[in-house]
C-alpha atoms as a PDB file:
ATOM      1  CA  MET A   1      -8.851 -22.009 -12.700  1.00  0.00           C
ATOM      2  CA  ALA A   2      -7.384 -18.786 -14.273  1.00  0.00           C
ATOM      3  CA  ASP A   3     -10.379 -18.370 -16.546  1.00  0.00           C
ATOM      4  CA  GLU A   4     -12.764 -18.955 -13.636  1.00  0.00           C
ATOM      5  CA  ALA A   5     -11.011 -16.377 -11.531  1.00  0.00           C
ATOM      6  CA  ARG A   6     -11.267 -13.788 -14.477  1.00  0.00           C
ATOM      7  CA  ARG A   7     -15.005 -14.486 -14.900  1.00  0.00           C
ATOM      8  CA  ALA A   8     -15.584 -14.152 -11.232  1.00  0.00           C
ATOM      9  CA  LEU A   9     -13.987 -10.742 -11.194  1.00  0.00           C
ATOM     10  CA  ALA A  10     -15.862  -9.626 -14.351  1.00  0.00           C
ATOM     11  CA  GLU A  11     -19.119 -10.605 -12.691  1.00  0.00           C
ATOM     12  CA  LEU A  12     -18.497  -8.034  -9.910  1.00  0.00           C
ATOM     13  CA  VAL A  13     -19.165  -5.200 -12.351  1.00  0.00           C
ATOM     14  CA  GLU A  14     -22.681  -6.422 -12.932  1.00  0.00           C
ATOM     15  CA  ARG A  15     -23.068  -7.021  -9.170  1.00  0.00           C
ATOM     16  CA  ASP A  16     -22.078  -3.533  -8.307  1.00  0.00           C
ATOM     17  CA  LYS A  17     -24.068  -1.516 -10.984  1.00  0.00           C
ATOM     18  CA  ASN A  18     -26.494  -0.317  -8.280  1.00  0.00           C
ATOM     19  CA  HIS A  19     -24.326  -0.679  -5.248  1.00  0.00           C
ATOM     20  CA  ALA A  20     -24.813   1.815  -2.406  1.00  0.00           C
ATOM     21  CA  CYS A  21     -23.796   1.482   1.235  1.00  0.00           C
ATOM     22  CA  ASP A  22     -23.187   3.522   4.415  1.00  0.00           C
ATOM     23  CA  GLY A  23     -19.516   3.415   3.621  1.00  0.00           C
ATOM     24  CA  PHE A  24     -16.279   3.018   5.633  1.00  0.00           C
ATOM     25  CA  GLY A  25     -14.613   5.481   7.987  1.00  0.00           C
ATOM     26  CA  PRO A  26     -15.619   8.967   9.082  1.00  0.00           C
ATOM     27  CA  ALA A  27     -16.105  10.161   5.457  1.00  0.00           C
ATOM     28  CA  GLY A  28     -18.477   7.180   4.649  1.00  0.00           C
ATOM     29  CA  VAL A  29     -16.345   5.965   1.717  1.00  0.00           C
ATOM     30  CA  CYS A  30     -18.332   3.645  -0.567  1.00  0.00           C
ATOM     31  CA  VAL A  31     -16.820   2.035  -3.591  1.00  0.00           C
ATOM     32  CA  ARG A  32     -18.105  -0.223  -6.422  1.00  0.00           C
ATOM     33  CA  VAL A  33     -16.324  -2.227  -9.121  1.00  0.00           C
ATOM     34  CA  VAL A  34     -16.845  -0.518 -12.483  1.00  0.00           C
ATOM     35  CA  GLY A  35     -14.360  -2.333 -14.807  1.00  0.00           C
ATOM     36  CA  VAL A  36     -12.132  -5.370 -15.113  1.00  0.00           C
ATOM     37  CA  ALA A  37      -9.543  -6.167 -17.758  1.00  0.00           C
ATOM     38  CA  ASP A  38      -6.516  -8.302 -18.403  1.00  0.00           C
ATOM     39  CA  LEU A  39      -3.215  -6.424 -17.886  1.00  0.00           C
ATOM     40  CA  PRO A  40       0.082  -8.076 -18.882  1.00  0.00           C
ATOM     41  CA  THR A  41       3.017  -6.280 -17.282  1.00  0.00           C
ATOM     42  CA  ARG A  42       6.833  -6.544 -17.240  1.00  0.00           C
ATOM     43  CA  VAL A  43       6.559  -8.624 -14.076  1.00  0.00           C
ATOM     44  CA  GLY A  44       3.661 -10.879 -15.016  1.00  0.00           C
ATOM     45  CA  ARG A  45      -0.001 -10.973 -15.979  1.00  0.00           C
ATOM     46  CA  PHE A  46      -2.723  -9.390 -13.760  1.00  0.00           C
ATOM     47  CA  GLN A  47      -6.327  -8.524 -13.778  1.00  0.00           C
ATOM     48  CA  ILE A  48      -6.729  -4.769 -13.242  1.00  0.00           C
ATOM     49  CA  VAL A  49      -9.965  -3.865 -11.399  1.00  0.00           C
ATOM     50  CA  ALA A  50     -11.163  -0.302 -11.517  1.00  0.00           C
ATOM     51  CA  PHE A  51     -13.212   1.262  -8.546  1.00  0.00           C
ATOM     52  CA  TRP A  52     -15.553   4.221  -8.447  1.00  0.00           C
ATOM     53  CA  ASN A  53     -15.893   5.899  -5.089  1.00  0.00           C
ATOM     54  CA  ASN A  54     -18.348   8.385  -3.638  1.00  0.00           C
ATOM     55  CA  ARG A  55     -15.686  10.563  -1.891  1.00  0.00           C
ATOM     56  CA  ASP A  56     -13.781  12.112  -4.700  1.00  0.00           C
ATOM     57  CA  ALA A  57     -12.946  11.786  -8.376  1.00  0.00           C
ATOM     58  CA  LYS A  58      -9.931   9.636  -7.758  1.00  0.00           C
ATOM     59  CA  GLU A  59      -9.765   6.371  -9.655  1.00  0.00           C
ATOM     60  CA  HIS A  60      -8.273   3.578  -7.464  1.00  0.00           C
ATOM     61  CA  VAL A  61      -7.435   0.217  -8.970  1.00  0.00           C
ATOM     62  CA  ALA A  62      -6.536  -3.329  -7.733  1.00  0.00           C
ATOM     63  CA  MET A  63      -3.894  -5.448  -9.516  1.00  0.00           C
ATOM     64  CA  VAL A  64      -5.186  -8.998  -8.932  1.00  0.00           C
ATOM     65  CA  HIS A  65      -3.235 -12.265  -9.402  1.00  0.00           C
ATOM     66  CA  GLY A  66      -4.938 -15.612  -9.057  1.00  0.00           C
ATOM     67  CA  ASP A  67      -8.306 -16.432  -7.424  1.00  0.00           C
ATOM     68  CA  VAL A  68      -8.883 -14.013  -4.521  1.00  0.00           C
ATOM     69  CA  ILE A  69     -12.596 -13.843  -4.308  1.00  0.00           C
ATOM     70  CA  GLY A  70     -13.653 -15.440  -0.945  1.00  0.00           C
ATOM     71  CA  ALA A  71     -10.024 -16.322  -0.191  1.00  0.00           C
ATOM     72  CA  GLU A  72      -8.340 -16.103   3.241  1.00  0.00           C
ATOM     73  CA  GLU A  73      -4.895 -14.700   4.068  1.00  0.00           C
ATOM     74  CA  VAL A  74      -4.475 -13.132   0.650  1.00  0.00           C
ATOM     75  CA  PRO A  75      -1.107 -11.489   0.247  1.00  0.00           C
ATOM     76  CA  THR A  76      -1.919  -7.807  -0.185  1.00  0.00           C
ATOM     77  CA  ARG A  77       0.128  -4.681  -0.759  1.00  0.00           C
ATOM     78  CA  LEU A  78      -1.282  -1.149  -0.249  1.00  0.00           C
ATOM     79  CA  HIS A  79       0.699   1.097  -2.650  1.00  0.00           C
ATOM     80  CA  SER A  80       0.141   4.896  -2.594  1.00  0.00           C
ATOM     81  CA  GLU A  81       0.609   6.733  -5.896  1.00  0.00           C
ATOM     82  CA  CYS A  82       3.858   8.506  -6.437  1.00  0.00           C
ATOM     83  CA  LEU A  83       4.222  10.216  -9.769  1.00  0.00           C
ATOM     84  CA  THR A  84       7.855  11.290  -9.165  1.00  0.00           C
ATOM     85  CA  GLY A  85       8.891   7.775  -8.101  1.00  0.00           C
ATOM     86  CA  ASP A  86       6.547   5.378  -9.904  1.00  0.00           C
ATOM     87  CA  VAL A  87       6.729   7.253 -13.273  1.00  0.00           C
ATOM     88  CA  MET A  88       9.699   9.659 -13.246  1.00  0.00           C
ATOM     89  CA  GLY A  89      12.029   7.246 -11.410  1.00  0.00           C
ATOM     90  CA  SER A  90      12.985   9.676  -8.704  1.00  0.00           C
ATOM     91  CA  LEU A  91      15.748   8.550  -6.397  1.00  0.00           C
ATOM     92  CA  ARG A  92      14.376  10.838  -3.500  1.00  0.00           C
ATOM     93  CA  CYS A  93      12.054   7.901  -2.534  1.00  0.00           C
ATOM     94  CA  ASP A  94      11.882   4.175  -3.127  1.00  0.00           C
ATOM     95  CA  CYS A  95       8.311   4.073  -4.318  1.00  0.00           C
ATOM     96  CA  ARG A  96       9.018   2.649  -7.872  1.00  0.00           C
ATOM     97  CA  ASP A  97      11.173  -0.117  -6.345  1.00  0.00           C
ATOM     98  CA  GLN A  98       8.382  -0.871  -3.865  1.00  0.00           C
ATOM     99  CA  LEU A  99       5.706  -0.942  -6.545  1.00  0.00           C
ATOM    100  CA  LEU A 100       7.760  -3.311  -8.827  1.00  0.00           C
ATOM    101  CA  GLU A 101       8.951  -5.548  -5.998  1.00  0.00           C
ATOM    102  CA  GLY A 102       5.354  -5.801  -4.585  1.00  0.00           C
ATOM    103  CA  LEU A 103       4.066  -6.914  -7.958  1.00  0.00           C
ATOM    104  CA  ARG A 104       6.940  -9.457  -8.347  1.00  0.00           C
ATOM    105  CA  ARG A 105       6.314 -10.777  -4.835  1.00  0.00           C
ATOM    106  CA  ILE A 106       2.607 -11.256  -5.536  1.00  0.00           C
ATOM    107  CA  GLN A 107       3.304 -12.988  -8.879  1.00  0.00           C
ATOM    108  CA  SER A 108       5.545 -15.445  -7.105  1.00  0.00           C
ATOM    109  CA  MET A 109       2.587 -16.625  -4.956  1.00  0.00           C
ATOM    110  CA  GLU A 110      -0.619 -18.485  -5.663  1.00  0.00           C
ATOM    111  CA  ARG A 111      -2.676 -15.306  -5.422  1.00  0.00           C
ATOM    112  CA  GLY A 112      -2.427 -11.694  -4.356  1.00  0.00           C
ATOM    113  CA  ILE A 113      -3.541  -8.094  -4.557  1.00  0.00           C
ATOM    114  CA  LEU A 114      -1.825  -4.806  -4.981  1.00  0.00           C
ATOM    115  CA  LEU A 115      -4.177  -1.826  -4.351  1.00  0.00           C
ATOM    116  CA  TYR A 116      -2.932   1.258  -6.167  1.00  0.00           C
ATOM    117  CA  LEU A 117      -4.352   4.134  -4.127  1.00  0.00           C
ATOM    118  CA  ARG A 118      -4.420   7.624  -5.434  1.00  0.00           C
ATOM    119  CA  GLN A 119      -2.900   9.267  -2.377  1.00  0.00           C
ATOM    120  CA  GLU A 120      -0.032  11.204  -3.809  1.00  0.00           C
ATOM    121  CA  GLY A 121       2.533  12.629  -1.406  1.00  0.00           C
ATOM    122  CA  ARG A 122       1.259  10.679   1.591  1.00  0.00           C
ATOM    123  CA  GLY A 123      -2.114  12.280   1.030  1.00  0.00           C
ATOM    124  CA  ILE A 124      -1.085  15.961   0.469  1.00  0.00           C
ATOM    125  CA  GLY A 125      -1.166  15.942  -3.280  1.00  0.00           C
ATOM    126  CA  LEU A 126       1.427  16.344  -6.022  1.00  0.00           C
ATOM    127  CA  ILE A 127       1.873  20.132  -5.860  1.00  0.00           C
ATOM    128  CA  ASN A 128       2.318  20.097  -2.110  1.00  0.00           C
ATOM    129  CA  LYS A 129       4.691  17.298  -2.241  1.00  0.00           C
ATOM    130  CA  ILE A 130       6.869  19.230  -4.635  1.00  0.00           C
ATOM    131  CA  ARG A 131       6.624  22.309  -2.242  1.00  0.00           C
ATOM    132  CA  ALA A 132       7.662  19.940   0.544  1.00  0.00           C
ATOM    133  CA  TYR A 133      10.651  18.776  -1.594  1.00  0.00           C
ATOM    134  CA  GLY A 134      11.630  22.455  -1.914  1.00  0.00           C
ATOM    135  CA  LEU A 135      11.504  22.885   1.847  1.00  0.00           C
ATOM    136  CA  GLN A 136      13.629  19.702   2.253  1.00  0.00           C
ATOM    137  CA  ASP A 137      16.233  21.215  -0.211  1.00  0.00           C
ATOM    138  CA  GLN A 138      16.485  24.056   2.316  1.00  0.00           C
ATOM    139  CA  GLY A 139      17.234  21.662   5.186  1.00  0.00           C
ATOM    140  CA  LEU A 140      13.901  20.563   6.587  1.00  0.00           C
ATOM    141  CA  ASP A 141      13.343  16.854   6.980  1.00  0.00           C
ATOM    142  CA  THR A 142      10.109  15.135   5.671  1.00  0.00           C
ATOM    143  CA  VAL A 143       8.006  15.610   8.746  1.00  0.00           C
ATOM    144  CA  GLU A 144       9.144  19.207   9.252  1.00  0.00           C
ATOM    145  CA  ALA A 145       8.336  20.077   5.632  1.00  0.00           C
ATOM    146  CA  ASN A 146       4.834  18.649   5.872  1.00  0.00           C
ATOM    147  CA  LEU A 147       4.201  20.413   9.139  1.00  0.00           C
ATOM    148  CA  ALA A 148       5.468  23.720   7.651  1.00  0.00           C
ATOM    149  CA  LEU A 149       2.879  23.315   4.904  1.00  0.00           C
ATOM    150  CA  GLY A 150       0.080  22.863   7.491  1.00  0.00           C
ATOM    151  CA  PHE A 151      -0.237  19.052   7.095  1.00  0.00           C
ATOM    152  CA  ARG A 152       0.219  16.139   9.411  1.00  0.00           C
ATOM    153  CA  ASP A 153       3.106  13.723   8.902  1.00  0.00           C
ATOM    154  CA  ASP A 154       0.819  11.383   7.032  1.00  0.00           C
ATOM    155  CA  GLU A 155      -2.628  12.401   5.752  1.00  0.00           C
ATOM    156  CA  ARG A 156      -3.600   9.041   4.130  1.00  0.00           C
ATOM    157  CA  ASP A 157      -6.674   7.229   5.075  1.00  0.00           C
ATOM    158  CA  TYR A 158      -7.190   3.553   4.197  1.00  0.00           C
ATOM    159  CA  ALA A 159     -10.993   3.463   4.377  1.00  0.00           C
ATOM    160  CA  VAL A 160     -11.106   3.199   0.530  1.00  0.00           C
ATOM    161  CA  ALA A 161      -8.668   0.228   0.646  1.00  0.00           C
ATOM    162  CA  ALA A 162     -10.806  -1.513   3.234  1.00  0.00           C
ATOM    163  CA  HIS A 163     -13.878  -1.258   1.089  1.00  0.00           C
ATOM    164  CA  MET A 164     -11.956  -2.329  -2.049  1.00  0.00           C
ATOM    165  CA  LEU A 165     -10.971  -5.513  -0.208  1.00  0.00           C
ATOM    166  CA  GLN A 166     -14.509  -6.070   0.946  1.00  0.00           C
ATOM    167  CA  SER A 167     -15.741  -5.642  -2.580  1.00  0.00           C
ATOM    168  CA  LEU A 168     -13.426  -8.372  -3.705  1.00  0.00           C
ATOM    169  CA  ALA A 169     -14.834 -10.562  -0.954  1.00  0.00           C
ATOM    170  CA  VAL A 170     -11.456 -11.083   0.600  1.00  0.00           C
ATOM    171  CA  LYS A 171     -11.927 -12.730   3.989  1.00  0.00           C
ATOM    172  CA  SER A 172      -8.451 -11.878   5.433  1.00  0.00           C
ATOM    173  CA  VAL A 173      -5.071 -10.563   4.296  1.00  0.00           C
ATOM    174  CA  ARG A 174      -1.323 -11.009   4.901  1.00  0.00           C
ATOM    175  CA  LEU A 175      -0.196  -7.429   4.436  1.00  0.00           C
ATOM    176  CA  ILE A 176       3.013  -6.720   2.435  1.00  0.00           C
ATOM    177  CA  THR A 177       4.237  -3.875   4.524  1.00  0.00           C
ATOM    178  CA  ASN A 178       6.457  -2.604   7.253  1.00  0.00           C
ATOM    179  CA  ASN A 179       4.002   0.076   8.447  1.00  0.00           C
ATOM    180  CA  PRO A 180       1.989  -0.616  11.635  1.00  0.00           C
ATOM    181  CA  ASN A 181      -0.351   2.224  10.748  1.00  0.00           C
ATOM    182  CA  LYS A 182      -1.592   0.321   7.685  1.00  0.00           C
ATOM    183  CA  ILE A 183      -2.275  -2.764   9.762  1.00  0.00           C
ATOM    184  CA  SER A 184      -4.021  -0.658  12.496  1.00  0.00           C
ATOM    185  CA  GLN A 185      -6.278   1.245  10.061  1.00  0.00           C
ATOM    186  CA  LEU A 186      -7.397  -1.828   8.211  1.00  0.00           C
ATOM    187  CA  GLY A 187      -8.266  -3.544  11.520  1.00  0.00           C
ATOM    188  CA  GLN A 188     -10.250  -0.443  12.562  1.00  0.00           C
ATOM    189  CA  TYR A 189     -12.205  -0.676   9.265  1.00  0.00           C
ATOM    190  CA  GLY A 190     -13.029  -4.343   9.738  1.00  0.00           C
ATOM    191  CA  VAL A 191     -10.395  -6.027   7.593  1.00  0.00           C
ATOM    192  CA  GLU A 192      -8.800  -9.041   9.308  1.00  0.00           C
ATOM    193  CA  VAL A 193      -5.044  -8.818   8.953  1.00  0.00           C
ATOM    194  CA  ALA A 194      -3.950 -12.398   9.620  1.00  0.00           C
ATOM    195  CA  GLY A 195      -0.168 -11.700   9.124  1.00  0.00           C
ATOM    196  CA  ARG A 196       2.462  -9.467   7.729  1.00  0.00           C
ATOM    197  CA  ILE A 197       4.973 -10.085   4.862  1.00  0.00           C
ATOM    198  CA  PRO A 198       8.092  -7.793   5.257  1.00  0.00           C
ATOM    199  CA  HIS A 199       8.922  -5.477   2.239  1.00  0.00           C
ATOM    200  CA  VAL A 200      12.723  -5.206   2.258  1.00  0.00           C
ATOM    201  CA  ILE A 201      14.396  -2.842  -0.193  1.00  0.00           C
ATOM    202  CA  PRO A 202      17.847  -1.284   0.188  1.00  0.00           C
ATOM    203  CA  PRO A 203      18.268   2.538   0.389  1.00  0.00           C
ATOM    204  CA  ASN A 204      20.252   4.630  -1.979  1.00  0.00           C
ATOM    205  CA  GLU A 205      22.387   7.718  -1.241  1.00  0.00           C
ATOM    206  CA  TYR A 206      19.428  10.106  -2.000  1.00  0.00           C
ATOM    207  CA  ASN A 207      16.746   8.419   0.175  1.00  0.00           C
ATOM    208  CA  LYS A 208      18.743   7.159   3.127  1.00  0.00           C
ATOM    209  CA  PHE A 209      18.103  10.328   5.230  1.00  0.00           C
ATOM    210  CA  TYR A 210      14.457  10.192   4.143  1.00  0.00           C
ATOM    211  CA  LEU A 211      14.176   6.601   5.630  1.00  0.00           C
ATOM    212  CA  GLU A 212      16.042   7.601   8.748  1.00  0.00           C
ATOM    213  CA  THR A 213      13.664  10.402   9.261  1.00  0.00           C
ATOM    214  CA  LYS A 214      10.686   7.904   8.966  1.00  0.00           C
ATOM    215  CA  ALA A 215      12.278   5.847  11.709  1.00  0.00           C
ATOM    216  CA  LYS A 216      13.110   8.792  13.985  1.00  0.00           C
ATOM    217  CA  ARG A 217      10.096  11.098  13.444  1.00  0.00           C
ATOM    218  CA  SER A 218       7.231   8.936  12.230  1.00  0.00           C
ATOM    219  CA  GLY A 219       7.604   5.727  14.191  1.00  0.00           C
ATOM    220  CA  HIS A 220       8.532   3.438  11.349  1.00  0.00           C
ATOM    221  CA  TYR A 221      10.752   0.466  12.271  1.00  0.00           C
ATOM    222  CA  ILE A 222      13.701   1.238   9.919  1.00  0.00           C
ATOM    223  CA  ASP A 223      17.200   0.784  11.116  1.00  0.00           C
ATOM    224  CA  THR A 224      20.330   1.701   9.149  1.00  0.00           C
ATOM    225  CA  GLU A 225      22.690   0.349  11.766  1.00  0.00           C
ATOM    226  CA  GLY A 226      21.564  -3.305  11.963  1.00  0.00           C
ATOM    227  CA  LYS A 227      19.818  -3.056  15.340  1.00  0.00           C
ATOM    228  CA  PRO A 228      16.877  -5.594  15.803  1.00  0.00           C
ATOM    229  CA  HIS A 229      13.382  -4.122  15.473  1.00  0.00           C
ATOM    230  CA  LEU A 230      10.050  -5.366  14.238  1.00  0.00           C
ATOM    231  CA  ALA A 231      10.017  -4.883  10.462  1.00  0.00           C
ATOM    232  CA  GLU A 232       7.061  -2.515   9.799  1.00  0.00           C
ATOM    233  CA  GLN A 233       6.753   0.625   7.673  1.00  0.00           C
ATOM    234  CA  SER A 234       4.657   2.649   5.290  1.00  0.00           C
ATOM    235  CA  ASP A 235       5.770   3.640   1.829  1.00  0.00           C
ATOM    236  CA  PRO A 236       9.248   4.016   2.985  1.00  0.00           C
ATOM    237  CA  VAL A 237      10.999   0.709   3.446  1.00  0.00           C
ATOM    238  CA  MET A 238      13.161  -1.389   5.592  1.00  0.00           C
ATOM    239  CA  VAL A 239      16.860  -1.053   4.738  1.00  0.00           C
ATOM    240  CA  ASP A 240      19.900  -3.343   4.650  1.00  0.00           C
ATOM    241  CA  GLY A 241      20.816  -4.439   8.160  1.00  0.00           C
ATOM    242  CA  MET A 242      17.311  -4.719   9.379  1.00  0.00           C
ATOM    243  CA  ALA A 243      16.723  -7.786  11.511  1.00  0.00           C
ATOM    244  CA  GLY A 244      13.616  -9.166  13.217  1.00  0.00           C
ATOM    245  CA  PRO A 245      13.527 -10.505  16.718  1.00  0.00           C
ATOM    246  CA  ALA A 246      15.587 -13.722  17.162  1.00  0.00           C
ATOM    247  CA  ASP A 247      12.499 -15.871  17.778  1.00  0.00           C
ATOM    248  CA  GLU A 248      10.604 -14.465  14.736  1.00  0.00           C
ATOM    249  CA  ASP A 249      10.525 -15.852  11.241  1.00  0.00           C
ATOM    250  CA  PRO A 250      12.295 -13.188   9.213  1.00  0.00           C
ATOM    251  CA  ALA A 251      10.092 -13.866   6.201  1.00  0.00           C
ATOM    252  CA  GLU A 252       6.711 -13.560   7.779  1.00  0.00           C
ATOM    253  CA  THR A 253       5.042 -12.414  10.983  1.00  0.00           C
ATOM    254  CA  ASP A 254       1.602 -13.283  12.393  1.00  0.00           C
ATOM    255  CA  VAL A 255      -0.545 -10.518  13.594  1.00  0.00           C
ATOM    256  CA  GLY A 256      -3.268 -10.806  16.217  1.00  0.00           C
ATOM    257  CA  ARG A 257      -3.068 -14.621  16.475  1.00  0.00           C
END
């Protein structure tokens, strides 16, 4: 089955050579599969799928485990690029932990996908993210810093993610997230989100305030005091003490059923 799954992914490159479409979202984002390769990692073996898109020069990829083409309820994580966290190991965010834990979670299942999206700094770019860090060093919170630079709290758009999933012929997903905005946007772009898998990672002393700001200012369901909330979020995560409603399976939530 593994060899068949690899061949099926490789065939997408030939299928998409002349692909063109009206695209997704206001910008008409259209993608096509342009490369597939085996990628052994520290957390397991994946197929890495490279996508071209008509919107910008950013190169988005999918990390694929198992046979996902034509599958339903595929565990899926949307991970936005974070150079400082993913590569440099910054403790100001939890992005590297989220990335590795997301890949481990997918490896533990029959199949799954992690989309690595080139949306640095919640869509404002690396330079502006560092400028925002500087403003935070002066006392602003995450939201205040972004607003001071002329941006919204979150500039990310998931139209490219929606088309990537469509290109992989995924019928529906179970989103590994705690962010209701990801669920909402994918739904708006025609992706069926059949359920949600919580993504729980403890905070550290450097990112706790960052996570609290996400809860208070950006509407993320993060609680550092153990109060029950729905476990949803974006690239910040749920923290220790978070609990779902008493009648909800803490490991998984159905969406729209």
